[in-house]
Amino acid sequence: MSPQGGEGVKGPLTAPAGGTVDIEVGPNETSVWVNLGPGGLSEHKVPPDKKVTIPVPSTPGEVFAVTVGKGLTKRSILITIVASSP
């Protein structure tokens, strides 16, 4: 998987359906927000190692957003959910 992101949030371009994805965040971040579409916003607390594991829905072809920060310091990445191999 190719990485994406930069200052504040880093993660892969794709994630396997029904699996997990690891997100790395900057030193000042305390929460990661995951937006799976209407009604699908969830918050994940950031542990001291600044790596958050996020569960991926079982819906290949969908895209979800991972966001850190607020206002002018807000950073987001988009991750595409891909079908897992048989």
C-alpha atoms as a PDB file:
ATOM      1  CA  MET A   1       0.000   0.000   0.000  1.00  0.00           C
ATOM      2  CA  SER A   2       1.289   3.431  -0.908  1.00  0.00           C
ATOM      3  CA  PRO A   3       1.458   6.027   1.870  1.00  0.00           C
ATOM      4  CA  GLN A   4      -0.232   9.407   1.735  1.00  0.00           C
ATOM      5  CA  GLY A   5      -0.447  12.458   3.924  1.00  0.00           C
ATOM      6  CA  GLY A   6       2.228  14.489   5.548  1.00  0.00           C
ATOM      7  CA  GLU A   7       2.362  16.859   8.470  1.00  0.00           C
ATOM      8  CA  GLY A   8      -0.310  15.892  11.011  1.00  0.00           C
ATOM      9  CA  VAL A   9      -1.673  12.643   9.555  1.00  0.00           C
ATOM     10  CA  LYS A  10      -0.244   9.763   7.496  1.00  0.00           C
ATOM     11  CA  GLY A  11      -1.904   6.608   6.213  1.00  0.00           C
ATOM     12  CA  PRO A  12      -2.330   4.305   3.217  1.00  0.00           C
ATOM     13  CA  LEU A  13      -4.180   5.094  -0.025  1.00  0.00           C
ATOM     14  CA  THR A  14      -6.214   1.889   0.252  1.00  0.00           C
ATOM     15  CA  ALA A  15      -7.445  -0.426   2.999  1.00  0.00           C
ATOM     16  CA  PRO A  16      -8.789  -4.009   2.830  1.00  0.00           C
ATOM     17  CA  ALA A  17     -12.541  -4.417   3.351  1.00  0.00           C
ATOM     18  CA  GLY A  18     -13.240  -5.736   6.851  1.00  0.00           C
ATOM     19  CA  GLY A  19      -9.630  -5.261   7.966  1.00  0.00           C
ATOM     20  CA  THR A  20      -7.838  -2.503   9.811  1.00  0.00           C
ATOM     21  CA  VAL A  21      -5.667   0.439   8.838  1.00  0.00           C
ATOM     22  CA  ASP A  22      -2.868   2.081  10.823  1.00  0.00           C
ATOM     23  CA  ILE A  23      -2.774   5.877  10.939  1.00  0.00           C
ATOM     24  CA  GLU A  24       0.187   7.897  12.232  1.00  0.00           C
ATOM     25  CA  VAL A  25      -0.487  11.366  13.627  1.00  0.00           C
ATOM     26  CA  GLY A  26       1.589  14.355  14.670  1.00  0.00           C
ATOM     27  CA  PRO A  27       2.848  14.959  18.208  1.00  0.00           C
ATOM     28  CA  ASN A  28       0.106  17.424  19.189  1.00  0.00           C
ATOM     29  CA  GLU A  29      -2.904  15.360  18.096  1.00  0.00           C
ATOM     30  CA  THR A  30      -5.157  13.735  20.706  1.00  0.00           C
ATOM     31  CA  SER A  31      -8.022  12.472  18.490  1.00  0.00           C
ATOM     32  CA  VAL A  32      -8.588  11.105  15.009  1.00  0.00           C
ATOM     33  CA  TRP A  33     -11.993  11.509  13.374  1.00  0.00           C
ATOM     34  CA  VAL A  34     -13.196   8.936  10.833  1.00  0.00           C
ATOM     35  CA  ASN A  35     -16.042   9.889   8.497  1.00  0.00           C
ATOM     36  CA  LEU A  36     -17.774   6.967   6.766  1.00  0.00           C
ATOM     37  CA  GLY A  37     -20.543   9.083   5.239  1.00  0.00           C
ATOM     38  CA  PRO A  38     -23.939  10.106   6.619  1.00  0.00           C
ATOM     39  CA  GLY A  39     -24.210   9.139  10.279  1.00  0.00           C
ATOM     40  CA  GLY A  40     -20.816   7.454  10.265  1.00  0.00           C
ATOM     41  CA  LEU A  41     -18.589   9.907  12.156  1.00  0.00           C
ATOM     42  CA  SER A  42     -16.482   8.363  14.910  1.00  0.00           C
ATOM     43  CA  GLU A  43     -13.696   9.583  17.175  1.00  0.00           C
ATOM     44  CA  HIS A  44     -10.622   7.523  18.062  1.00  0.00           C
ATOM     45  CA  LYS A  45      -8.313   8.598  20.888  1.00  0.00           C
ATOM     46  CA  VAL A  46      -4.604   8.755  20.030  1.00  0.00           C
ATOM     47  CA  PRO A  47      -2.317   6.604  22.228  1.00  0.00           C
ATOM     48  CA  PRO A  48       1.129   7.831  23.362  1.00  0.00           C
ATOM     49  CA  ASP A  49       2.889   6.129  20.415  1.00  0.00           C
ATOM     50  CA  LYS A  50       0.812   8.332  18.024  1.00  0.00           C
ATOM     51  CA  LYS A  51      -0.356   5.326  15.950  1.00  0.00           C
ATOM     52  CA  VAL A  52      -4.085   4.618  15.732  1.00  0.00           C
ATOM     53  CA  THR A  53      -5.575   1.382  14.360  1.00  0.00           C
ATOM     54  CA  ILE A  54      -8.943   1.963  12.707  1.00  0.00           C
ATOM     55  CA  PRO A  55     -11.399  -0.796  11.686  1.00  0.00           C
ATOM     56  CA  VAL A  56     -12.366  -0.726   8.002  1.00  0.00           C
ATOM     57  CA  PRO A  57     -15.972  -1.396   6.927  1.00  0.00           C
ATOM     58  CA  SER A  58     -16.756  -4.367   4.659  1.00  0.00           C
ATOM     59  CA  THR A  59     -17.861  -2.202   1.723  1.00  0.00           C
ATOM     60  CA  PRO A  60     -15.372  -2.350  -1.172  1.00  0.00           C
ATOM     61  CA  GLY A  61     -15.441   0.684  -3.453  1.00  0.00           C
ATOM     62  CA  GLU A  62     -16.341   3.127  -0.681  1.00  0.00           C
ATOM     63  CA  VAL A  63     -14.047   5.928   0.462  1.00  0.00           C
ATOM     64  CA  PHE A  64     -13.651   7.180   4.017  1.00  0.00           C
ATOM     65  CA  ALA A  65     -11.952  10.269   5.421  1.00  0.00           C
ATOM     66  CA  VAL A  66      -9.535  10.400   8.344  1.00  0.00           C
ATOM     67  CA  THR A  67      -9.158  13.867   9.890  1.00  0.00           C
ATOM     68  CA  VAL A  68      -7.074  15.430  12.664  1.00  0.00           C
ATOM     69  CA  GLY A  69      -7.042  18.967  14.016  1.00  0.00           C
ATOM     70  CA  LYS A  70      -9.559  21.801  13.784  1.00  0.00           C
ATOM     71  CA  GLY A  71      -9.865  25.049  11.896  1.00  0.00           C
ATOM     72  CA  LEU A  72      -6.708  26.136  10.097  1.00  0.00           C
ATOM     73  CA  THR A  73      -4.749  23.144  11.426  1.00  0.00           C
ATOM     74  CA  LYS A  74      -7.229  20.561  10.093  1.00  0.00           C
ATOM     75  CA  ARG A  75      -5.651  17.797   7.970  1.00  0.00           C
ATOM     76  CA  SER A  76      -7.491  14.995   6.147  1.00  0.00           C
ATOM     77  CA  ILE A  77      -6.680  11.976   4.032  1.00  0.00           C
ATOM     78  CA  LEU A  78      -9.050   9.845   1.947  1.00  0.00           C
ATOM     79  CA  ILE A  79      -8.730   6.053   1.980  1.00  0.00           C
ATOM     80  CA  THR A  80     -10.378   3.759  -0.579  1.00  0.00           C
ATOM     81  CA  ILE A  81     -11.742   0.429   0.646  1.00  0.00           C
ATOM     82  CA  VAL A  82     -10.685  -2.440  -1.633  1.00  0.00           C
ATOM     83  CA  ALA A  83     -11.913  -6.022  -1.802  1.00  0.00           C
ATOM     84  CA  SER A  84      -9.696  -8.448   0.039  1.00  0.00           C
ATOM     85  CA  SER A  85      -8.254 -11.293  -1.993  1.00  0.00           C
ATOM     86  CA  PRO A  86      -9.884 -14.715  -1.633  1.00  0.00           C
END
